[in-house]
Amino acid sequence: MLKMDLEYNQGILFVRLKGILDKEFSYKINNYLNPVINRHKIKYLVYNFYSLIDIDQSGIKAISNTEEEIESNEGTICLCEVNKNIKDKLKNLNIRIISNERSAFNEIEV
């Protein structure tokens, strides 16, 4: 199961994921989140993985799809609070990892 909490604050969309991002639940990002990013021309996004238990290849692809949407809007995407297990799985993605959501306001120039 995957829960997604969205918060838009000072020009940055924060997406907090809780649960498991796998083939069964990656549709939530591909079919709901990415169209919102496209429709509203969101430029800055931070994924918070603090409560994300695991991710598989489908989940990684969904994150990559989000990266493409944000880049098409000439924006920036970051990940924060990523545990070591998940960080190892994401090593092939070229997405900046920051420590926490607060640092996003310093790292991302809105």
PDB file of N, CA and C in Angstrom:
ATOM      1  N   MET A   1       0.838  -1.182   0.000  1.00  0.00           N
ATOM      2  CA  MET A   1       0.000   0.000   0.000  1.00  0.00           C
ATOM      3  C   MET A   1       0.886   1.249   0.000  1.00  0.00           C
ATOM      4  N   LEU A   2       0.436   2.271  -0.692  1.00  0.00           N
ATOM      5  CA  LEU A   2       1.170   3.525  -0.763  1.00  0.00           C
ATOM      6  C   LEU A   2       0.209   4.675  -0.481  1.00  0.00           C
ATOM      7  N   LYS A   3       0.627   5.537   0.431  1.00  0.00           N
ATOM      8  CA  LYS A   3      -0.114   6.774   0.695  1.00  0.00           C
ATOM      9  C   LYS A   3       0.754   7.928   0.234  1.00  0.00           C
ATOM     10  N   MET A   4       0.085   8.924  -0.333  1.00  0.00           N
ATOM     11  CA  MET A   4       0.786  10.079  -0.857  1.00  0.00           C
ATOM     12  C   MET A   4       0.163  11.334  -0.256  1.00  0.00           C
ATOM     13  N   ASP A   5       0.993  12.152   0.395  1.00  0.00           N
ATOM     14  CA  ASP A   5       0.541  13.404   0.987  1.00  0.00           C
ATOM     15  C   ASP A   5       1.202  14.539   0.221  1.00  0.00           C
ATOM     16  N   LEU A   6       0.395  15.460  -0.301  1.00  0.00           N
ATOM     17  CA  LEU A   6       0.912  16.570  -1.088  1.00  0.00           C
ATOM     18  C   LEU A   6       0.742  17.878  -0.322  1.00  0.00           C
ATOM     19  N   GLU A   7       1.768  18.716  -0.378  1.00  0.00           N
ATOM     20  CA  GLU A   7       1.690  20.051   0.215  1.00  0.00           C
ATOM     21  C   GLU A   7       2.451  21.007  -0.682  1.00  0.00           C
ATOM     22  N   TYR A   8       1.798  22.097  -1.053  1.00  0.00           N
ATOM     23  CA  TYR A   8       2.443  23.125  -1.863  1.00  0.00           C
ATOM     24  C   TYR A   8       2.772  24.292  -0.945  1.00  0.00           C
ATOM     25  N   ASN A   9       4.066  24.607  -0.838  1.00  0.00           N
ATOM     26  CA  ASN A   9       4.507  25.626   0.111  1.00  0.00           C
ATOM     27  C   ASN A   9       5.610  26.459  -0.530  1.00  0.00           C
ATOM     28  N   GLN A  10       5.408  27.748  -0.630  1.00  0.00           N
ATOM     29  CA  GLN A  10       6.396  28.696  -1.146  1.00  0.00           C
ATOM     30  C   GLN A  10       6.968  28.270  -2.499  1.00  0.00           C
ATOM     31  N   GLY A  11       6.099  27.802  -3.374  1.00  0.00           N
ATOM     32  CA  GLY A  11       6.505  27.460  -4.729  1.00  0.00           C
ATOM     33  C   GLY A  11       7.065  26.056  -4.910  1.00  0.00           C
ATOM     34  N   ILE A  12       7.104  25.276  -3.826  1.00  0.00           N
ATOM     35  CA  ILE A  12       7.630  23.914  -3.894  1.00  0.00           C
ATOM     36  C   ILE A  12       6.509  22.928  -3.564  1.00  0.00           C
ATOM     37  N   LEU A  13       6.369  21.896  -4.390  1.00  0.00           N
ATOM     38  CA  LEU A  13       5.423  20.823  -4.101  1.00  0.00           C
ATOM     39  C   LEU A  13       6.160  19.740  -3.325  1.00  0.00           C
ATOM     40  N   PHE A  14       5.710  19.489  -2.107  1.00  0.00           N
ATOM     41  CA  PHE A  14       6.277  18.430  -1.275  1.00  0.00           C
ATOM     42  C   PHE A  14       5.378  17.210  -1.403  1.00  0.00           C
ATOM     43  N   VAL A  15       5.983  16.076  -1.724  1.00  0.00           N
ATOM     44  CA  VAL A  15       5.253  14.820  -1.883  1.00  0.00           C
ATOM     45  C   VAL A  15       5.835  13.833  -0.871  1.00  0.00           C
ATOM     46  N   ARG A  16       5.035  13.505   0.143  1.00  0.00           N
ATOM     47  CA  ARG A  16       5.479  12.575   1.181  1.00  0.00           C
ATOM     48  C   ARG A  16       4.874  11.207   0.887  1.00  0.00           C
ATOM     49  N   LEU A  17       5.751  10.224   0.742  1.00  0.00           N
ATOM     50  CA  LEU A  17       5.305   8.871   0.419  1.00  0.00           C
ATOM     51  C   LEU A  17       5.401   7.991   1.659  1.00  0.00           C
ATOM     52  N   LYS A  18       4.364   7.191   1.859  1.00  0.00           N
ATOM     53  CA  LYS A  18       4.338   6.272   2.999  1.00  0.00           C
ATOM     54  C   LYS A  18       3.908   4.904   2.502  1.00  0.00           C
ATOM     55  N   GLY A  19       4.732   3.904   2.783  1.00  0.00           N
ATOM     56  CA  GLY A  19       4.393   2.545   2.378  1.00  0.00           C
ATOM     57  C   GLY A  19       5.415   1.991   1.404  1.00  0.00           C
ATOM     58  N   ILE A  20       4.904   1.280   0.401  1.00  0.00           N
ATOM     59  CA  ILE A  20       5.756   0.620  -0.578  1.00  0.00           C
ATOM     60  C   ILE A  20       5.403   1.144  -1.969  1.00  0.00           C
ATOM     61  N   LEU A  21       6.417   1.620  -2.669  1.00  0.00           N
ATOM     62  CA  LEU A  21       6.236   2.105  -4.040  1.00  0.00           C
ATOM     63  C   LEU A  21       6.706   1.001  -4.981  1.00  0.00           C
ATOM     64  N   ASP A  22       5.738   0.197  -5.423  1.00  0.00           N
ATOM     65  CA  ASP A  22       6.055  -0.935  -6.293  1.00  0.00           C
ATOM     66  C   ASP A  22       5.137  -0.932  -7.505  1.00  0.00           C
ATOM     67  N   LYS A  23       5.196  -1.986  -8.280  1.00  0.00           N
ATOM     68  CA  LYS A  23       4.414  -2.090  -9.515  1.00  0.00           C
ATOM     69  C   LYS A  23       2.928  -1.879  -9.256  1.00  0.00           C
ATOM     70  N   GLU A  24       2.443  -2.401  -8.145  1.00  0.00           N
ATOM     71  CA  GLU A  24       1.019  -2.306  -7.827  1.00  0.00           C
ATOM     72  C   GLU A  24       0.577  -0.865  -7.558  1.00  0.00           C
ATOM     73  N   PHE A  25       1.473  -0.033  -7.003  1.00  0.00           N
ATOM     74  CA  PHE A  25       1.060   1.306  -6.575  1.00  0.00           C
ATOM     75  C   PHE A  25       1.733   2.448  -7.331  1.00  0.00           C
ATOM     76  N   SER A  26       2.621   2.159  -8.258  1.00  0.00           N
ATOM     77  CA  SER A  26       3.289   3.237  -8.994  1.00  0.00           C
ATOM     78  C   SER A  26       2.299   4.008  -9.871  1.00  0.00           C
ATOM     79  N   TYR A  27       1.135   3.432 -10.138  1.00  0.00           N
ATOM     80  CA  TYR A  27       0.118   4.135 -10.922  1.00  0.00           C
ATOM     81  C   TYR A  27      -0.304   5.426 -10.235  1.00  0.00           C
ATOM     82  N   LYS A  28      -0.209   5.482  -8.903  1.00  0.00           N
ATOM     83  CA  LYS A  28      -0.614   6.697  -8.191  1.00  0.00           C
ATOM     84  C   LYS A  28       0.245   7.885  -8.601  1.00  0.00           C
ATOM     85  N   ILE A  29       1.509   7.624  -8.841  1.00  0.00           N
ATOM     86  CA  ILE A  29       2.393   8.697  -9.299  1.00  0.00           C
ATOM     87  C   ILE A  29       2.176   8.957 -10.787  1.00  0.00           C
ATOM     88  N   ASN A  30       2.157   7.886 -11.580  1.00  0.00           N
ATOM     89  CA  ASN A  30       2.031   8.045 -13.035  1.00  0.00           C
ATOM     90  C   ASN A  30       0.688   8.612 -13.466  1.00  0.00           C
ATOM     91  N   ASN A  31      -0.399   8.212 -12.803  1.00  0.00           N
ATOM     92  CA  ASN A  31      -1.739   8.602 -13.252  1.00  0.00           C
ATOM     93  C   ASN A  31      -2.340   9.783 -12.510  1.00  0.00           C
ATOM     94  N   TYR A  32      -1.812  10.116 -11.337  1.00  0.00           N
ATOM     95  CA  TYR A  32      -2.385  11.207 -10.553  1.00  0.00           C
ATOM     96  C   TYR A  32      -1.403  12.362 -10.363  1.00  0.00           C
ATOM     97  N   LEU A  33      -0.217  12.060  -9.838  1.00  0.00           N
ATOM     98  CA  LEU A  33       0.738  13.127  -9.536  1.00  0.00           C
ATOM     99  C   LEU A  33       1.318  13.760 -10.798  1.00  0.00           C
ATOM    100  N   ASN A  34       1.833  12.965 -11.713  1.00  0.00           N
ATOM    101  CA  ASN A  34       2.483  13.523 -12.896  1.00  0.00           C
ATOM    102  C   ASN A  34       1.548  14.384 -13.753  1.00  0.00           C
ATOM    103  N   PRO A  35       0.279  14.004 -13.945  1.00  0.00           N
ATOM    104  CA  PRO A  35      -0.622  14.904 -14.671  1.00  0.00           C
ATOM    105  C   PRO A  35      -0.861  16.234 -13.939  1.00  0.00           C
ATOM    106  N   VAL A  36      -0.879  16.214 -12.610  1.00  0.00           N
ATOM    107  CA  VAL A  36      -1.035  17.452 -11.840  1.00  0.00           C
ATOM    108  C   VAL A  36       0.175  18.356 -12.075  1.00  0.00           C
ATOM    109  N   ILE A  37       1.362  17.753 -12.066  1.00  0.00           N
ATOM    110  CA  ILE A  37       2.594  18.517 -12.317  1.00  0.00           C
ATOM    111  C   ILE A  37       2.539  19.157 -13.700  1.00  0.00           C
ATOM    112  N   ASN A  38       2.114  18.399 -14.667  1.00  0.00           N
ATOM    113  CA  ASN A  38       2.026  18.889 -16.041  1.00  0.00           C
ATOM    114  C   ASN A  38       0.964  19.978 -16.173  1.00  0.00           C
ATOM    115  N   ARG A  39      -0.213  19.732 -15.636  1.00  0.00           N
ATOM    116  CA  ARG A  39      -1.339  20.665 -15.761  1.00  0.00           C
ATOM    117  C   ARG A  39      -1.055  22.005 -15.085  1.00  0.00           C
ATOM    118  N   HIS A  40      -0.422  21.973 -13.912  1.00  0.00           N
ATOM    119  CA  HIS A  40      -0.185  23.196 -13.147  1.00  0.00           C
ATOM    120  C   HIS A  40       1.223  23.765 -13.341  1.00  0.00           C
ATOM    121  N   LYS A  41       1.996  23.135 -14.248  1.00  0.00           N
ATOM    122  CA  LYS A  41       3.350  23.598 -14.557  1.00  0.00           C
ATOM    123  C   LYS A  41       4.206  23.746 -13.292  1.00  0.00           C
ATOM    124  N   ILE A  42       4.144  22.717 -12.441  1.00  0.00           N
ATOM    125  CA  ILE A  42       4.943  22.691 -11.220  1.00  0.00           C
ATOM    126  C   ILE A  42       6.415  22.619 -11.607  1.00  0.00           C
ATOM    127  N   LYS A  43       7.230  23.511 -11.037  1.00  0.00           N
ATOM    128  CA  LYS A  43       8.657  23.554 -11.375  1.00  0.00           C
ATOM    129  C   LYS A  43       9.538  22.931 -10.295  1.00  0.00           C
ATOM    130  N   TYR A  44       9.084  22.946  -9.062  1.00  0.00           N
ATOM    131  CA  TYR A  44       9.932  22.495  -7.958  1.00  0.00           C
ATOM    132  C   TYR A  44       9.211  21.446  -7.135  1.00  0.00           C
ATOM    133  N   LEU A  45       9.846  20.295  -6.988  1.00  0.00           N
ATOM    134  CA  LEU A  45       9.232  19.178  -6.266  1.00  0.00           C
ATOM    135  C   LEU A  45      10.264  18.525  -5.358  1.00  0.00           C
ATOM    136  N   VAL A  46       9.816  18.177  -4.157  1.00  0.00           N
ATOM    137  CA  VAL A  46      10.647  17.431  -3.215  1.00  0.00           C
ATOM    138  C   VAL A  46       9.871  16.196  -2.794  1.00  0.00           C
ATOM    139  N   TYR A  47      10.442  15.029  -3.062  1.00  0.00           N
ATOM    140  CA  TYR A  47       9.893  13.775  -2.553  1.00  0.00           C
ATOM    141  C   TYR A  47      10.491  13.540  -1.168  1.00  0.00           C
ATOM    142  N   ASN A  48       9.639  13.267  -0.187  1.00  0.00           N
ATOM    143  CA  ASN A  48      10.100  12.895   1.146  1.00  0.00           C
ATOM    144  C   ASN A  48       9.884  11.392   1.291  1.00  0.00           C
ATOM    145  N   PHE A  49      10.988  10.661   1.480  1.00  0.00           N
ATOM    146  CA  PHE A  49      10.950   9.202   1.564  1.00  0.00           C
ATOM    147  C   PHE A  49      11.064   8.702   3.002  1.00  0.00           C
ATOM    148  N   TYR A  50      10.848   9.572   3.990  1.00  0.00           N
ATOM    149  CA  TYR A  50      11.024   9.176   5.389  1.00  0.00           C
ATOM    150  C   TYR A  50      10.206   7.922   5.733  1.00  0.00           C
ATOM    151  N   SER A  51       8.967   7.857   5.262  1.00  0.00           N
ATOM    152  CA  SER A  51       8.081   6.739   5.584  1.00  0.00           C
ATOM    153  C   SER A  51       7.953   5.726   4.454  1.00  0.00           C
ATOM    154  N   LEU A  52       8.824   5.842   3.461  1.00  0.00           N
ATOM    155  CA  LEU A  52       8.804   4.877   2.360  1.00  0.00           C
ATOM    156  C   LEU A  52       9.582   3.636   2.793  1.00  0.00           C
ATOM    157  N   ILE A  53       8.931   2.506   2.771  1.00  0.00           N
ATOM    158  CA  ILE A  53       9.527   1.256   3.245  1.00  0.00           C
ATOM    159  C   ILE A  53      10.410   0.621   2.182  1.00  0.00           C
ATOM    160  N   ASP A  54       9.907   0.597   0.937  1.00  0.00           N
ATOM    161  CA  ASP A  54      10.664  -0.053  -0.135  1.00  0.00           C
ATOM    162  C   ASP A  54      10.209   0.497  -1.475  1.00  0.00           C
ATOM    163  N   ILE A  55      11.037   0.262  -2.483  1.00  0.00           N
ATOM    164  CA  ILE A  55      10.746   0.691  -3.851  1.00  0.00           C
ATOM    165  C   ILE A  55      11.290  -0.371  -4.800  1.00  0.00           C
ATOM    166  N   ASP A  56      10.556  -0.639  -5.886  1.00  0.00           N
ATOM    167  CA  ASP A  56      11.043  -1.578  -6.895  1.00  0.00           C
ATOM    168  C   ASP A  56      11.283  -0.828  -8.207  1.00  0.00           C
ATOM    169  N   GLN A  57      11.588  -1.558  -9.268  1.00  0.00           N
ATOM    170  CA  GLN A  57      11.909  -0.937 -10.553  1.00  0.00           C
ATOM    171  C   GLN A  57      10.752  -0.096 -11.099  1.00  0.00           C
ATOM    172  N   SER A  58       9.530  -0.537 -10.898  1.00  0.00           N
ATOM    173  CA  SER A  58       8.374   0.242 -11.370  1.00  0.00           C
ATOM    174  C   SER A  58       8.272   1.559 -10.617  1.00  0.00           C
ATOM    175  N   GLY A  59       8.552   1.517  -9.327  1.00  0.00           N
ATOM    176  CA  GLY A  59       8.545   2.732  -8.521  1.00  0.00           C
ATOM    177  C   GLY A  59       9.651   3.681  -8.937  1.00  0.00           C
ATOM    178  N   ILE A  60      10.818   3.129  -9.218  1.00  0.00           N
ATOM    179  CA  ILE A  60      11.942   3.951  -9.675  1.00  0.00           C
ATOM    180  C   ILE A  60      11.598   4.603 -11.008  1.00  0.00           C
ATOM    181  N   LYS A  61      10.949   3.860 -11.887  1.00  0.00           N
ATOM    182  CA  LYS A  61      10.526   4.403 -13.176  1.00  0.00           C
ATOM    183  C   LYS A  61       9.508   5.532 -12.979  1.00  0.00           C
ATOM    184  N   ALA A  62       8.602   5.375 -12.014  1.00  0.00           N
ATOM    185  CA  ALA A  62       7.616   6.418 -11.729  1.00  0.00           C
ATOM    186  C   ALA A  62       8.312   7.697 -11.247  1.00  0.00           C
ATOM    187  N   ILE A  63       9.324   7.550 -10.397  1.00  0.00           N
ATOM    188  CA  ILE A  63      10.093   8.707  -9.925  1.00  0.00           C
ATOM    189  C   ILE A  63      10.818   9.356 -11.108  1.00  0.00           C
ATOM    190  N   SER A  64      11.358   8.528 -11.984  1.00  0.00           N
ATOM    191  CA  SER A  64      12.031   9.031 -13.177  1.00  0.00           C
ATOM    192  C   SER A  64      11.055   9.787 -14.079  1.00  0.00           C
ATOM    193  N   ASN A  65       9.824   9.290 -14.188  1.00  0.00           N
ATOM    194  CA  ASN A  65       8.796   9.981 -14.978  1.00  0.00           C
ATOM    195  C   ASN A  65       8.500  11.354 -14.379  1.00  0.00           C
ATOM    196  N   THR A  66       8.460  11.427 -13.048  1.00  0.00           N
ATOM    197  CA  THR A  66       8.248  12.718 -12.385  1.00  0.00           C
ATOM    198  C   THR A  66       9.397  13.665 -12.705  1.00  0.00           C
ATOM    199  N   GLU A  67      10.605  13.145 -12.673  1.00  0.00           N
ATOM    200  CA  GLU A  67      11.775  13.963 -12.994  1.00  0.00           C
ATOM    201  C   GLU A  67      11.637  14.550 -14.398  1.00  0.00           C
ATOM    202  N   GLU A  68      11.185  13.752 -15.350  1.00  0.00           N
ATOM    203  CA  GLU A  68      11.008  14.230 -16.725  1.00  0.00           C
ATOM    204  C   GLU A  68       9.955  15.336 -16.797  1.00  0.00           C
ATOM    205  N   GLU A  69       8.861  15.173 -16.046  1.00  0.00           N
ATOM    206  CA  GLU A  69       7.806  16.206 -16.016  1.00  0.00           C
ATOM    207  C   GLU A  69       8.355  17.521 -15.468  1.00  0.00           C
ATOM    208  N   ILE A  70       9.089  17.434 -14.358  1.00  0.00           N
ATOM    209  CA  ILE A  70       9.646  18.633 -13.728  1.00  0.00           C
ATOM    210  C   ILE A  70      10.666  19.286 -14.662  1.00  0.00           C
ATOM    211  N   GLU A  71      11.503  18.498 -15.291  1.00  0.00           N
ATOM    212  CA  GLU A  71      12.499  19.055 -16.216  1.00  0.00           C
ATOM    213  C   GLU A  71      11.838  19.701 -17.429  1.00  0.00           C
ATOM    214  N   SER A  72      10.706  19.163 -17.867  1.00  0.00           N
ATOM    215  CA  SER A  72      10.007  19.779 -18.998  1.00  0.00           C
ATOM    216  C   SER A  72       9.435  21.143 -18.614  1.00  0.00           C
ATOM    217  N   ASN A  73       9.251  21.367 -17.313  1.00  0.00           N
ATOM    218  CA  ASN A  73       8.808  22.668 -16.800  1.00  0.00           C
ATOM    219  C   ASN A  73       9.996  23.540 -16.380  1.00  0.00           C
ATOM    220  N   GLU A  74      11.215  23.093 -16.754  1.00  0.00           N
ATOM    221  CA  GLU A  74      12.457  23.796 -16.433  1.00  0.00           C
ATOM    222  C   GLU A  74      12.632  23.988 -14.937  1.00  0.00           C
ATOM    223  N   GLY A  75      12.334  22.920 -14.188  1.00  0.00           N
ATOM    224  CA  GLY A  75      12.418  22.985 -12.740  1.00  0.00           C
ATOM    225  C   GLY A  75      13.442  22.041 -12.149  1.00  0.00           C
ATOM    226  N   THR A  76      13.307  21.823 -10.839  1.00  0.00           N
ATOM    227  CA  THR A  76      14.238  21.014 -10.068  1.00  0.00           C
ATOM    228  C   THR A  76      13.467  20.025  -9.214  1.00  0.00           C
ATOM    229  N   ILE A  77      13.998  18.813  -9.110  1.00  0.00           N
ATOM    230  CA  ILE A  77      13.420  17.783  -8.255  1.00  0.00           C
ATOM    231  C   ILE A  77      14.498  17.320  -7.280  1.00  0.00           C
ATOM    232  N   CYS A  78      14.085  17.066  -6.042  1.00  0.00           N
ATOM    233  CA  CYS A  78      15.000  16.567  -5.005  1.00  0.00           C
ATOM    234  C   CYS A  78      14.306  15.451  -4.240  1.00  0.00           C
ATOM    235  N   LEU A  79      15.121  14.630  -3.611  1.00  0.00           N
ATOM    236  CA  LEU A  79      14.633  13.610  -2.691  1.00  0.00           C
ATOM    237  C   LEU A  79      15.185  13.956  -1.314  1.00  0.00           C
ATOM    238  N   CYS A  80      14.412  13.680  -0.274  1.00  0.00           N
ATOM    239  CA  CYS A  80      14.940  13.892   1.071  1.00  0.00           C
ATOM    240  C   CYS A  80      14.562  12.732   1.979  1.00  0.00           C
ATOM    241  N   GLU A  81      15.327  12.615   3.055  1.00  0.00           N
ATOM    242  CA  GLU A  81      15.131  11.597   4.084  1.00  0.00           C
ATOM    243  C   GLU A  81      15.052  10.193   3.485  1.00  0.00           C
ATOM    244  N   VAL A  82      16.045   9.897   2.651  1.00  0.00           N
ATOM    245  CA  VAL A  82      16.106   8.620   1.946  1.00  0.00           C
ATOM    246  C   VAL A  82      16.972   7.663   2.757  1.00  0.00           C
ATOM    247  N   ASN A  83      16.410   6.493   3.110  1.00  0.00           N
ATOM    248  CA  ASN A  83      17.224   5.531   3.871  1.00  0.00           C
ATOM    249  C   ASN A  83      18.233   4.844   2.948  1.00  0.00           C
ATOM    250  N   LYS A  84      19.234   4.221   3.548  1.00  0.00           N
ATOM    251  CA  LYS A  84      20.350   3.642   2.789  1.00  0.00           C
ATOM    252  C   LYS A  84      19.890   2.582   1.788  1.00  0.00           C
ATOM    253  N   ASN A  85      18.960   1.723   2.195  1.00  0.00           N
ATOM    254  CA  ASN A  85      18.465   0.664   1.318  1.00  0.00           C
ATOM    255  C   ASN A  85      17.869   1.258   0.038  1.00  0.00           C
ATOM    256  N   ILE A  86      17.047   2.269   0.189  1.00  0.00           N
ATOM    257  CA  ILE A  86      16.412   2.886  -0.974  1.00  0.00           C
ATOM    258  C   ILE A  86      17.431   3.708  -1.755  1.00  0.00           C
ATOM    259  N   LYS A  87      18.336   4.388  -1.067  1.00  0.00           N
ATOM    260  CA  LYS A  87      19.369   5.181  -1.738  1.00  0.00           C
ATOM    261  C   LYS A  87      20.205   4.310  -2.667  1.00  0.00           C
ATOM    262  N   ASP A  88      20.522   3.098  -2.220  1.00  0.00           N
ATOM    263  CA  ASP A  88      21.288   2.169  -3.061  1.00  0.00           C
ATOM    264  C   ASP A  88      20.526   1.803  -4.330  1.00  0.00           C
ATOM    265  N   LYS A  89      19.215   1.660  -4.221  1.00  0.00           N
ATOM    266  CA  LYS A  89      18.401   1.309  -5.387  1.00  0.00           C
ATOM    267  C   LYS A  89      18.275   2.464  -6.376  1.00  0.00           C
ATOM    268  N   LEU A  90      18.437   3.697  -5.872  1.00  0.00           N
ATOM    269  CA  LEU A  90      18.260   4.881  -6.712  1.00  0.00           C
ATOM    270  C   LEU A  90      19.563   5.423  -7.282  1.00  0.00           C
ATOM    271  N   LYS A  91      20.653   4.681  -7.105  1.00  0.00           N
ATOM    272  CA  LYS A  91      21.964   5.206  -7.487  1.00  0.00           C
ATOM    273  C   LYS A  91      22.082   5.549  -8.965  1.00  0.00           C
ATOM    274  N   ASN A  92      21.261   4.960  -9.819  1.00  0.00           N
ATOM    275  CA  ASN A  92      21.334   5.254 -11.256  1.00  0.00           C
ATOM    276  C   ASN A  92      20.515   6.477 -11.662  1.00  0.00           C
ATOM    277  N   LEU A  93      19.690   6.973 -10.741  1.00  0.00           N
ATOM    278  CA  LEU A  93      18.946   8.197 -11.028  1.00  0.00           C
ATOM    279  C   LEU A  93      19.849   9.392 -10.767  1.00  0.00           C
ATOM    280  N   ASN A  94      19.686  10.402 -11.550  1.00  0.00           N
ATOM    281  CA  ASN A  94      20.490  11.611 -11.384  1.00  0.00           C
ATOM    282  C   ASN A  94      19.643  12.680 -10.681  1.00  0.00           C
ATOM    283  N   ILE A  95      19.175  12.354  -9.479  1.00  0.00           N
ATOM    284  CA  ILE A  95      18.343  13.269  -8.705  1.00  0.00           C
ATOM    285  C   ILE A  95      19.078  13.604  -7.418  1.00  0.00           C
ATOM    286  N   ARG A  96      19.125  14.888  -7.119  1.00  0.00           N
ATOM    287  CA  ARG A  96      19.815  15.350  -5.915  1.00  0.00           C
ATOM    288  C   ARG A  96      19.085  14.877  -4.664  1.00  0.00           C
ATOM    289  N   ILE A  97      19.854  14.418  -3.682  1.00  0.00           N
ATOM    290  CA  ILE A  97      19.309  13.994  -2.399  1.00  0.00           C
ATOM    291  C   ILE A  97      19.734  15.012  -1.351  1.00  0.00           C
ATOM    292  N   ILE A  98      18.743  15.541  -0.639  1.00  0.00           N
ATOM    293  CA  ILE A  98      19.003  16.515   0.414  1.00  0.00           C
ATOM    294  C   ILE A  98      18.586  15.909   1.748  1.00  0.00           C
ATOM    295  N   SER A  99      18.992  16.540   2.837  1.00  0.00           N
ATOM    296  CA  SER A  99      18.769  15.936   4.154  1.00  0.00           C
ATOM    297  C   SER A  99      17.308  15.973   4.587  1.00  0.00           C
ATOM    298  N   ASN A 100      16.626  17.113   4.454  1.00  0.00           N
ATOM    299  CA  ASN A 100      15.247  17.213   4.929  1.00  0.00           C
ATOM    300  C   ASN A 100      14.491  18.295   4.153  1.00  0.00           C
ATOM    301  N   GLU A 101      13.216  18.418   4.457  1.00  0.00           N
ATOM    302  CA  GLU A 101      12.374  19.367   3.723  1.00  0.00           C
ATOM    303  C   GLU A 101      12.786  20.812   3.958  1.00  0.00           C
ATOM    304  N   ARG A 102      13.201  21.136   5.161  1.00  0.00           N
ATOM    305  CA  ARG A 102      13.610  22.511   5.449  1.00  0.00           C
ATOM    306  C   ARG A 102      14.766  22.954   4.568  1.00  0.00           C
ATOM    307  N   SER A 103      15.692  22.070   4.340  1.00  0.00           N
ATOM    308  CA  SER A 103      16.842  22.437   3.513  1.00  0.00           C
ATOM    309  C   SER A 103      16.445  22.659   2.062  1.00  0.00           C
ATOM    310  N   ALA A 104      15.269  22.193   1.668  1.00  0.00           N
ATOM    311  CA  ALA A 104      14.803  22.398   0.293  1.00  0.00           C
ATOM    312  C   ALA A 104      14.662  23.884  -0.022  1.00  0.00           C
ATOM    313  N   PHE A 105      14.246  24.666   0.961  1.00  0.00           N
ATOM    314  CA  PHE A 105      14.068  26.099   0.726  1.00  0.00           C
ATOM    315  C   PHE A 105      15.412  26.788   0.448  1.00  0.00           C
ATOM    316  N   ASN A 106      16.506  26.212   0.973  1.00  0.00           N
ATOM    317  CA  ASN A 106      17.840  26.756   0.714  1.00  0.00           C
ATOM    318  C   ASN A 106      18.453  26.179  -0.557  1.00  0.00           C
ATOM    319  N   GLU A 107      18.150  24.911  -0.839  1.00  0.00           N
ATOM    320  CA  GLU A 107      18.744  24.221  -1.993  1.00  0.00           C
ATOM    321  C   GLU A 107      18.089  24.595  -3.312  1.00  0.00           C
ATOM    322  N   ILE A 108      16.795  24.878  -3.258  1.00  0.00           N
ATOM    323  CA  ILE A 108      16.040  25.170  -4.477  1.00  0.00           C
ATOM    324  C   ILE A 108      15.815  26.677  -4.552  1.00  0.00           C
ATOM    325  N   GLU A 109      16.263  27.258  -5.628  1.00  0.00           N
ATOM    326  CA  GLU A 109      16.064  28.692  -5.827  1.00  0.00           C
ATOM    327  C   GLU A 109      14.782  28.896  -6.608  1.00  0.00           C
ATOM    328  N   VAL A 110      13.723  29.201  -5.871  1.00  0.00           N
ATOM    329  CA  VAL A 110      12.395  29.374  -6.472  1.00  0.00           C
ATOM    330  C   VAL A 110      12.303  30.717  -7.161  1.00  0.00           C
TER     331      VAL A 110
END
